[in-house]
Amino acid sequence: MKLIEIEEMVHEDMKPDDNLDYESVRTPQLYNKYLKLYNAEYALYRNINRQYKTLYKVTWEYYTGKISQEDMIKYNLQPFNLKILKNDIDIYIESDNNLCNLKERVDFQKQKCNYIESVLKEISRRSFTIKNALDYKKFINGISWYNG
């Protein structure tokens, strides 16, 4: 799911309704909805992150000259004939296009997970917000907590 789609969904779901009873009952449903979404997106994040780590290892082997012929074929790599210093390997790895593209996917997926996590925290705080709104309505209507 795209981040913009998630943001639009959150925008719609978090619109307060004047019926605070309904909003109070809806809170666990919203939490469950976004928890399921978080679990799916986090599983995708873990998968992409694992792919990144595997590709990082292959890329390191490629630039250090330790890659196997099978991996060269598997990852469609051309022979790398430059001899680079051990200190310079990180420069080549960090600028590798395939690795950079996958790192961007990892970072973006992590951003989606962080966003959904913050939505879950906000949903958890809804009950306090609803209670405050109910207390305010009672105050405005002259209903006090003190009955003595």
C-alpha atoms as a PDB file:
ATOM      1  CA  MET A   1       0.000   0.000   0.000  1.00  0.00           C
ATOM      2  CA  LYS A   2       1.291   3.457  -0.855  1.00  0.00           C
ATOM      3  CA  LEU A   3       2.005   5.973   1.902  1.00  0.00           C
ATOM      4  CA  ILE A   4      -0.334   8.538   0.364  1.00  0.00           C
ATOM      5  CA  GLU A   5      -3.157   5.973   0.443  1.00  0.00           C
ATOM      6  CA  ILE A   6      -2.475   5.269   4.111  1.00  0.00           C
ATOM      7  CA  GLU A   7      -2.415   8.986   4.898  1.00  0.00           C
ATOM      8  CA  GLU A   8      -5.748   9.516   3.143  1.00  0.00           C
ATOM      9  CA  MET A   9      -7.267   6.544   4.960  1.00  0.00           C
ATOM     10  CA  VAL A  10      -6.060   7.905   8.315  1.00  0.00           C
ATOM     11  CA  HIS A  11      -7.428  11.347   7.461  1.00  0.00           C
ATOM     12  CA  GLU A  12     -10.879   9.855   6.849  1.00  0.00           C
ATOM     13  CA  ASP A  13     -10.826   7.494   9.826  1.00  0.00           C
ATOM     14  CA  MET A  14      -9.656  10.087  12.326  1.00  0.00           C
ATOM     15  CA  LYS A  15     -12.331  12.664  11.503  1.00  0.00           C
ATOM     16  CA  PRO A  16     -14.268  13.106  14.726  1.00  0.00           C
ATOM     17  CA  ASP A  17     -17.981  12.446  14.724  1.00  0.00           C
ATOM     18  CA  ASP A  18     -20.280  14.523  16.952  1.00  0.00           C
ATOM     19  CA  ASN A  19     -21.654  11.270  18.314  1.00  0.00           C
ATOM     20  CA  LEU A  20     -18.994  10.607  20.937  1.00  0.00           C
ATOM     21  CA  ASP A  21     -20.586   7.317  21.981  1.00  0.00           C
ATOM     22  CA  TYR A  22     -20.066   6.002  18.467  1.00  0.00           C
ATOM     23  CA  GLU A  23     -16.488   7.307  18.418  1.00  0.00           C
ATOM     24  CA  SER A  24     -15.757   5.600  21.724  1.00  0.00           C
ATOM     25  CA  VAL A  25     -16.994   2.255  20.428  1.00  0.00           C
ATOM     26  CA  ARG A  26     -15.177   2.718  17.119  1.00  0.00           C
ATOM     27  CA  THR A  27     -11.759   3.185  18.766  1.00  0.00           C
ATOM     28  CA  PRO A  28     -10.953  -0.543  19.223  1.00  0.00           C
ATOM     29  CA  GLN A  29     -12.045  -1.206  15.642  1.00  0.00           C
ATOM     30  CA  LEU A  30      -9.726   1.502  14.346  1.00  0.00           C
ATOM     31  CA  TYR A  31      -6.883   0.191  16.468  1.00  0.00           C
ATOM     32  CA  ASN A  32      -7.382  -3.319  15.095  1.00  0.00           C
ATOM     33  CA  LYS A  33      -7.526  -2.032  11.514  1.00  0.00           C
ATOM     34  CA  TYR A  34      -4.244  -0.159  11.800  1.00  0.00           C
ATOM     35  CA  LEU A  35      -2.559  -2.885  13.823  1.00  0.00           C
ATOM     36  CA  LYS A  36      -3.263  -5.341  10.999  1.00  0.00           C
ATOM     37  CA  LEU A  37      -1.926  -2.819   8.491  1.00  0.00           C
ATOM     38  CA  TYR A  38       1.170  -2.262  10.628  1.00  0.00           C
ATOM     39  CA  ASN A  39       1.825  -6.000  10.872  1.00  0.00           C
ATOM     40  CA  ALA A  40       1.581  -6.400   7.091  1.00  0.00           C
ATOM     41  CA  GLU A  41       3.817  -3.396   6.380  1.00  0.00           C
ATOM     42  CA  TYR A  42       6.336  -4.426   9.040  1.00  0.00           C
ATOM     43  CA  ALA A  43       6.565  -7.927   7.561  1.00  0.00           C
ATOM     44  CA  LEU A  44       7.288  -6.308   4.196  1.00  0.00           C
ATOM     45  CA  TYR A  45       9.915  -4.093   5.844  1.00  0.00           C
ATOM     46  CA  ARG A  46      11.662  -7.115   7.364  1.00  0.00           C
ATOM     47  CA  ASN A  47      11.623  -8.879   3.991  1.00  0.00           C
ATOM     48  CA  ILE A  48      13.087  -5.895   2.116  1.00  0.00           C
ATOM     49  CA  ASN A  49      15.665  -5.356   4.859  1.00  0.00           C
ATOM     50  CA  ARG A  50      16.753  -9.005   4.586  1.00  0.00           C
ATOM     51  CA  GLN A  51      17.096  -8.594   0.805  1.00  0.00           C
ATOM     52  CA  TYR A  52      19.205  -5.487   1.421  1.00  0.00           C
ATOM     53  CA  LYS A  53      21.540  -7.328   3.778  1.00  0.00           C
ATOM     54  CA  THR A  54      21.942 -10.163   1.291  1.00  0.00           C
ATOM     55  CA  LEU A  55      22.649  -7.752  -1.553  1.00  0.00           C
ATOM     56  CA  TYR A  56      25.073  -5.824   0.664  1.00  0.00           C
ATOM     57  CA  LYS A  57      27.049  -9.032   1.242  1.00  0.00           C
ATOM     58  CA  VAL A  58      27.046  -9.863  -2.473  1.00  0.00           C
ATOM     59  CA  THR A  59      28.113  -6.312  -3.314  1.00  0.00           C
ATOM     60  CA  TRP A  60      30.918  -6.458  -0.765  1.00  0.00           C
ATOM     61  CA  GLU A  61      32.096  -9.773  -2.229  1.00  0.00           C
ATOM     62  CA  TYR A  62      31.888  -8.281  -5.715  1.00  0.00           C
ATOM     63  CA  TYR A  63      34.067  -5.264  -4.939  1.00  0.00           C
ATOM     64  CA  THR A  64      36.564  -7.269  -2.873  1.00  0.00           C
ATOM     65  CA  GLY A  65      36.921  -9.871  -5.627  1.00  0.00           C
ATOM     66  CA  LYS A  66      35.604 -12.714  -3.469  1.00  0.00           C
ATOM     67  CA  ILE A  67      32.322 -13.296  -5.296  1.00  0.00           C
ATOM     68  CA  SER A  68      31.603 -16.741  -6.707  1.00  0.00           C
ATOM     69  CA  GLN A  69      30.947 -17.339 -10.381  1.00  0.00           C
ATOM     70  CA  GLU A  70      27.444 -18.593  -9.505  1.00  0.00           C
ATOM     71  CA  ASP A  71      26.607 -15.317  -7.748  1.00  0.00           C
ATOM     72  CA  MET A  72      28.030 -13.326 -10.657  1.00  0.00           C
ATOM     73  CA  ILE A  73      25.557 -15.102 -12.941  1.00  0.00           C
ATOM     74  CA  LYS A  74      22.697 -15.031 -10.404  1.00  0.00           C
ATOM     75  CA  TYR A  75      22.969 -11.267  -9.882  1.00  0.00           C
ATOM     76  CA  ASN A  76      23.835 -10.523 -13.514  1.00  0.00           C
ATOM     77  CA  LEU A  77      27.158  -8.884 -12.650  1.00  0.00           C
ATOM     78  CA  GLN A  78      30.007  -8.115 -14.999  1.00  0.00           C
ATOM     79  CA  PRO A  79      33.579  -8.824 -13.884  1.00  0.00           C
ATOM     80  CA  PHE A  80      35.059  -6.024 -11.769  1.00  0.00           C
ATOM     81  CA  ASN A  81      38.716  -5.783 -12.681  1.00  0.00           C
ATOM     82  CA  LEU A  82      39.718  -2.764 -10.629  1.00  0.00           C
ATOM     83  CA  LYS A  83      41.895  -3.372  -7.627  1.00  0.00           C
ATOM     84  CA  ILE A  84      40.645  -1.091  -4.853  1.00  0.00           C
ATOM     85  CA  LEU A  85      42.077  -0.442  -1.430  1.00  0.00           C
ATOM     86  CA  LYS A  86      40.339  -1.950   1.569  1.00  0.00           C
ATOM     87  CA  ASN A  87      39.610   1.543   2.906  1.00  0.00           C
ATOM     88  CA  ASP A  88      37.877   2.506  -0.355  1.00  0.00           C
ATOM     89  CA  ILE A  89      35.492  -0.472  -0.538  1.00  0.00           C
ATOM     90  CA  ASP A  90      32.802   1.399   1.420  1.00  0.00           C
ATOM     91  CA  ILE A  91      32.827   4.187  -1.183  1.00  0.00           C
ATOM     92  CA  TYR A  92      32.083   1.699  -3.950  1.00  0.00           C
ATOM     93  CA  ILE A  93      29.459  -0.151  -1.920  1.00  0.00           C
ATOM     94  CA  GLU A  94      27.646   3.033  -0.866  1.00  0.00           C
ATOM     95  CA  SER A  95      27.506   4.251  -4.463  1.00  0.00           C
ATOM     96  CA  ASP A  96      26.328   0.958  -5.992  1.00  0.00           C
ATOM     97  CA  ASN A  97      23.064   1.672  -7.846  1.00  0.00           C
ATOM     98  CA  ASN A  98      21.358  -1.620  -7.037  1.00  0.00           C
ATOM     99  CA  LEU A  99      22.211  -1.331  -3.376  1.00  0.00           C
ATOM    100  CA  CYS A 100      21.189   2.341  -3.223  1.00  0.00           C
ATOM    101  CA  ASN A 101      17.810   1.583  -4.822  1.00  0.00           C
ATOM    102  CA  LEU A 102      17.130  -1.214  -2.374  1.00  0.00           C
ATOM    103  CA  LYS A 103      18.243   0.970   0.551  1.00  0.00           C
ATOM    104  CA  GLU A 104      15.721   3.609  -0.536  1.00  0.00           C
ATOM    105  CA  ARG A 105      12.993   0.954  -0.491  1.00  0.00           C
ATOM    106  CA  VAL A 106      14.070  -0.149   2.995  1.00  0.00           C
ATOM    107  CA  ASP A 107      14.047   3.443   4.260  1.00  0.00           C
ATOM    108  CA  PHE A 108      10.674   4.213   2.695  1.00  0.00           C
ATOM    109  CA  GLN A 109       9.134   1.042   4.101  1.00  0.00           C
ATOM    110  CA  LYS A 110      10.502   1.941   7.532  1.00  0.00           C
ATOM    111  CA  GLN A 111       8.957   5.405   7.163  1.00  0.00           C
ATOM    112  CA  LYS A 112       5.558   3.802   6.460  1.00  0.00           C
ATOM    113  CA  CYS A 113       5.907   1.584   9.521  1.00  0.00           C
ATOM    114  CA  ASN A 114       6.839   4.558  11.700  1.00  0.00           C
ATOM    115  CA  TYR A 115       3.844   6.503  10.405  1.00  0.00           C
ATOM    116  CA  ILE A 116       1.416   3.666  11.122  1.00  0.00           C
ATOM    117  CA  GLU A 117       2.996   3.206  14.543  1.00  0.00           C
ATOM    118  CA  SER A 118       2.347   6.874  15.333  1.00  0.00           C
ATOM    119  CA  VAL A 119      -1.260   6.469  14.152  1.00  0.00           C
ATOM    120  CA  LEU A 120      -1.649   3.524  16.530  1.00  0.00           C
ATOM    121  CA  LYS A 121      -0.371   5.675  19.400  1.00  0.00           C
ATOM    122  CA  GLU A 122      -2.817   8.417  18.485  1.00  0.00           C
ATOM    123  CA  ILE A 123      -5.689   5.930  18.360  1.00  0.00           C
ATOM    124  CA  SER A 124      -4.654   4.692  21.808  1.00  0.00           C
ATOM    125  CA  ARG A 125      -4.997   8.252  23.112  1.00  0.00           C
ATOM    126  CA  ARG A 126      -8.467   8.711  21.582  1.00  0.00           C
ATOM    127  CA  SER A 127     -10.269   7.523  24.696  1.00  0.00           C
ATOM    128  CA  PHE A 128      -8.728  10.385  26.697  1.00  0.00           C
ATOM    129  CA  THR A 129      -9.681  12.882  24.005  1.00  0.00           C
ATOM    130  CA  ILE A 130     -13.245  11.570  23.899  1.00  0.00           C
ATOM    131  CA  LYS A 131     -13.495  11.679  27.697  1.00  0.00           C
ATOM    132  CA  ASN A 132     -12.270  15.276  27.693  1.00  0.00           C
ATOM    133  CA  ALA A 133     -14.852  16.189  25.058  1.00  0.00           C
ATOM    134  CA  LEU A 134     -17.620  14.542  27.114  1.00  0.00           C
ATOM    135  CA  ASP A 135     -16.452  16.363  30.261  1.00  0.00           C
ATOM    136  CA  TYR A 136     -16.492  19.640  28.370  1.00  0.00           C
ATOM    137  CA  LYS A 137     -20.039  19.009  27.100  1.00  0.00           C
ATOM    138  CA  LYS A 138     -21.137  18.251  30.663  1.00  0.00           C
ATOM    139  CA  PHE A 139     -19.488  21.449  31.880  1.00  0.00           C
ATOM    140  CA  ILE A 140     -21.133  23.554  29.165  1.00  0.00           C
ATOM    141  CA  ASN A 141     -24.529  22.030  29.914  1.00  0.00           C
ATOM    142  CA  GLY A 142     -24.154  22.666  33.639  1.00  0.00           C
ATOM    143  CA  ILE A 143     -23.751  19.081  34.743  1.00  0.00           C
ATOM    144  CA  SER A 144     -21.197  18.932  37.492  1.00  0.00           C
ATOM    145  CA  TRP A 145     -19.266  16.047  38.910  1.00  0.00           C
ATOM    146  CA  TYR A 146     -20.112  17.241  42.400  1.00  0.00           C
ATOM    147  CA  ASN A 147     -23.606  16.258  43.460  1.00  0.00           C
ATOM    148  CA  GLY A 148     -23.502  17.587  47.019  1.00  0.00           C
END
